[in-house]
Amino acid sequence: MIEGMHLTPIGDGNVLLEPGEGIDPGNHDIYLTSLLEYLQQHNAQRLLYDLKNVRIIDSVYYRWLTALSSLCRISGIELITVNMRPAAAYALAIMLDKPPPFCCALDIDSTRMRSDVDEEAAEKTADSEEIPTSEANN
């Protein structure tokens, strides 16, 4: 376990991160290596960051999320924030001048529905890119 956060594999390549009271977003470097090791050990495809207990996202917390997003991106893992409180969303929105480098979703269930849609789209794309057998033999 990483101090200040609770990590739970929840299936389908998803890992849920619930930040605790002890997390220090201003000192994010102390978490990144251990977090990446955990995500790799669990073959994570998505990191769902639960913001339900985060009252406000200020510039310090945003830098932490941005650092986490960079770590995930270079590792082939998608970072999705979930359960963002309206006050935190508002604070984030007025602070930003461009979209954040991570995805946002209403809750965990909506990320699962989204991943199902993404998988269906990928399957359709793969099916449409297959060369018909008669063309492959010519």
Protein backbone atom coordinates (compact mmCIF):
# COMPACT_ATOMS: atom_id res chain seq x y z
CA MET A 1 0.00 0.00 0.00
CA ILE A 2 1.16 3.50 -0.81
CA GLU A 3 0.81 5.97 2.05
CA GLY A 4 -1.99 8.45 1.48
CA MET A 5 -3.88 6.44 -1.12
CA HIS A 6 -5.89 3.26 -1.40
CA LEU A 7 -5.51 1.26 -4.62
CA THR A 8 -7.97 -1.43 -5.67
CA PRO A 9 -8.00 -3.49 -8.90
CA ILE A 10 -11.67 -3.55 -9.96
CA GLY A 11 -11.46 -5.72 -13.05
CA ASP A 12 -11.15 -5.25 -16.81
CA GLY A 13 -7.75 -3.57 -16.45
CA ASN A 14 -9.16 -0.87 -14.16
CA VAL A 15 -7.48 0.23 -10.93
CA LEU A 16 -9.32 2.54 -8.55
CA LEU A 17 -7.24 5.13 -6.67
CA GLU A 18 -8.88 6.69 -3.64
CA PRO A 19 -6.75 9.46 -2.15
CA GLY A 20 -6.73 9.60 1.62
CA GLU A 21 -6.24 12.34 4.15
CA GLY A 22 -2.48 11.73 4.20
CA ILE A 23 -1.81 12.39 0.53
CA ASP A 24 0.45 15.36 -0.16
CA PRO A 25 -0.21 16.57 -3.72
CA GLY A 26 2.52 19.17 -3.35
CA ASN A 27 5.12 16.41 -3.04
CA HIS A 28 3.91 14.17 -5.86
CA ASP A 29 7.34 12.77 -6.78
CA ILE A 30 7.32 10.52 -3.70
CA TYR A 31 4.28 8.63 -5.04
CA LEU A 32 4.95 8.24 -8.75
CA THR A 33 7.50 5.39 -8.76
CA SER A 34 5.55 3.21 -6.30
CA LEU A 35 2.30 3.95 -8.08
CA LEU A 36 3.72 3.00 -11.47
CA GLU A 37 5.08 -0.27 -10.07
CA TYR A 38 1.65 -1.10 -8.65
CA LEU A 39 -0.11 -0.29 -11.91
CA GLN A 40 2.33 -2.39 -13.92
CA GLN A 41 2.03 -5.33 -11.52
CA HIS A 42 -1.73 -5.26 -12.00
CA ASN A 43 -1.57 -4.77 -15.80
CA ALA A 44 -3.63 -1.61 -15.51
CA GLN A 45 -5.14 -0.13 -18.64
CA ARG A 46 -7.05 2.59 -16.78
CA LEU A 47 -6.48 4.40 -13.52
CA LEU A 48 -9.74 5.68 -12.09
CA TYR A 49 -8.96 8.51 -9.68
CA ASP A 50 -11.86 8.96 -7.26
CA LEU A 51 -12.25 12.63 -6.36
CA LYS A 52 -15.33 12.26 -4.14
CA ASN A 53 -13.38 13.31 -1.02
CA VAL A 54 -11.47 16.15 -2.72
CA ARG A 55 -13.27 19.36 -1.85
CA ILE A 56 -11.42 21.66 -4.25
CA ILE A 57 -8.86 21.36 -7.01
CA ASP A 58 -6.36 24.18 -6.72
CA SER A 59 -3.17 24.70 -8.72
CA VAL A 60 -1.17 22.37 -6.42
CA TYR A 61 -3.68 19.54 -6.77
CA TYR A 62 -3.93 20.16 -10.52
CA ARG A 63 -0.13 19.83 -10.87
CA TRP A 64 -0.39 16.49 -9.04
CA LEU A 65 -3.10 15.29 -11.44
CA THR A 66 -1.05 16.52 -14.40
CA ALA A 67 2.07 14.67 -13.18
CA LEU A 68 -0.04 11.55 -12.67
CA SER A 69 -1.51 11.96 -16.14
CA SER A 70 1.97 12.19 -17.67
CA LEU A 71 3.07 9.06 -15.82
CA CYS A 72 0.01 7.19 -17.04
CA ARG A 73 0.33 8.42 -20.63
CA ILE A 74 3.97 7.32 -21.03
CA SER A 75 2.98 3.94 -19.56
CA GLY A 76 0.03 3.38 -21.88
CA ILE A 77 -2.50 3.81 -19.07
CA GLU A 78 -5.53 6.08 -19.32
CA LEU A 79 -6.19 8.36 -16.34
CA ILE A 80 -9.85 9.08 -15.70
CA THR A 81 -11.06 11.18 -12.79
CA VAL A 82 -14.43 10.17 -11.36
CA ASN A 83 -16.89 11.50 -8.78
CA MET A 84 -15.66 15.09 -8.96
CA ARG A 85 -17.66 17.37 -6.67
CA PRO A 86 -19.37 20.33 -8.34
CA ALA A 87 -17.26 22.83 -6.34
CA ALA A 88 -14.05 21.05 -7.38
CA ALA A 89 -15.20 20.94 -11.01
CA TYR A 90 -16.00 24.66 -10.93
CA ALA A 91 -12.63 25.54 -9.39
CA LEU A 92 -10.88 23.44 -12.02
CA ALA A 93 -12.90 24.96 -14.87
CA ILE A 94 -12.14 28.56 -13.94
CA MET A 95 -8.44 27.77 -13.48
CA LEU A 96 -7.95 26.11 -16.89
CA ASP A 97 -7.45 27.79 -20.23
CA LYS A 98 -7.42 24.47 -22.13
CA PRO A 99 -8.81 20.97 -21.54
CA PRO A 100 -7.05 18.94 -18.83
CA PRO A 101 -4.64 16.19 -19.95
CA PHE A 102 -6.85 13.53 -18.37
CA CYS A 103 -10.38 12.33 -18.93
CA CYS A 104 -13.24 13.08 -16.56
CA ALA A 105 -16.26 10.88 -15.98
CA LEU A 106 -19.31 11.18 -13.79
CA ASP A 107 -18.70 7.93 -11.89
CA ILE A 108 -17.09 4.51 -12.12
CA ASP A 109 -20.06 2.92 -13.89
CA SER A 110 -19.92 5.48 -16.69
CA THR A 111 -16.26 4.61 -17.31
CA ARG A 112 -17.19 0.97 -17.67
CA MET A 113 -19.90 1.83 -20.19
CA ARG A 114 -17.39 4.01 -22.02
CA SER A 115 -14.83 1.18 -22.18
CA ASP A 116 -17.51 -1.17 -23.54
CA VAL A 117 -18.30 1.35 -26.30
CA ASP A 118 -14.57 1.78 -27.03
CA GLU A 119 -14.12 -2.00 -27.32
CA GLU A 120 -17.09 -2.30 -29.69
CA ALA A 121 -15.71 0.51 -31.86
CA ALA A 122 -12.27 -1.12 -31.94
CA GLU A 123 -13.81 -4.45 -32.97
CA LYS A 124 -15.78 -2.77 -35.79
CA THR A 125 -12.64 -0.98 -36.98
CA ALA A 126 -10.65 -4.22 -36.93
CA ASP A 127 -13.43 -6.01 -38.83
CA SER A 128 -13.56 -3.29 -41.50
CA GLU A 129 -9.78 -3.37 -41.96
CA GLU A 130 -9.64 -7.11 -42.67
CA ILE A 131 -8.90 -8.00 -46.25
CA PRO A 132 -11.55 -10.30 -47.71
CA THR A 133 -10.15 -13.76 -48.48
CA SER A 134 -10.83 -13.46 -52.23
CA GLU A 135 -8.82 -10.19 -52.41
CA ALA A 136 -5.97 -11.58 -50.31
CA ASN A 137 -5.47 -14.52 -52.70
CA ASN A 138 -5.17 -12.30 -55.83
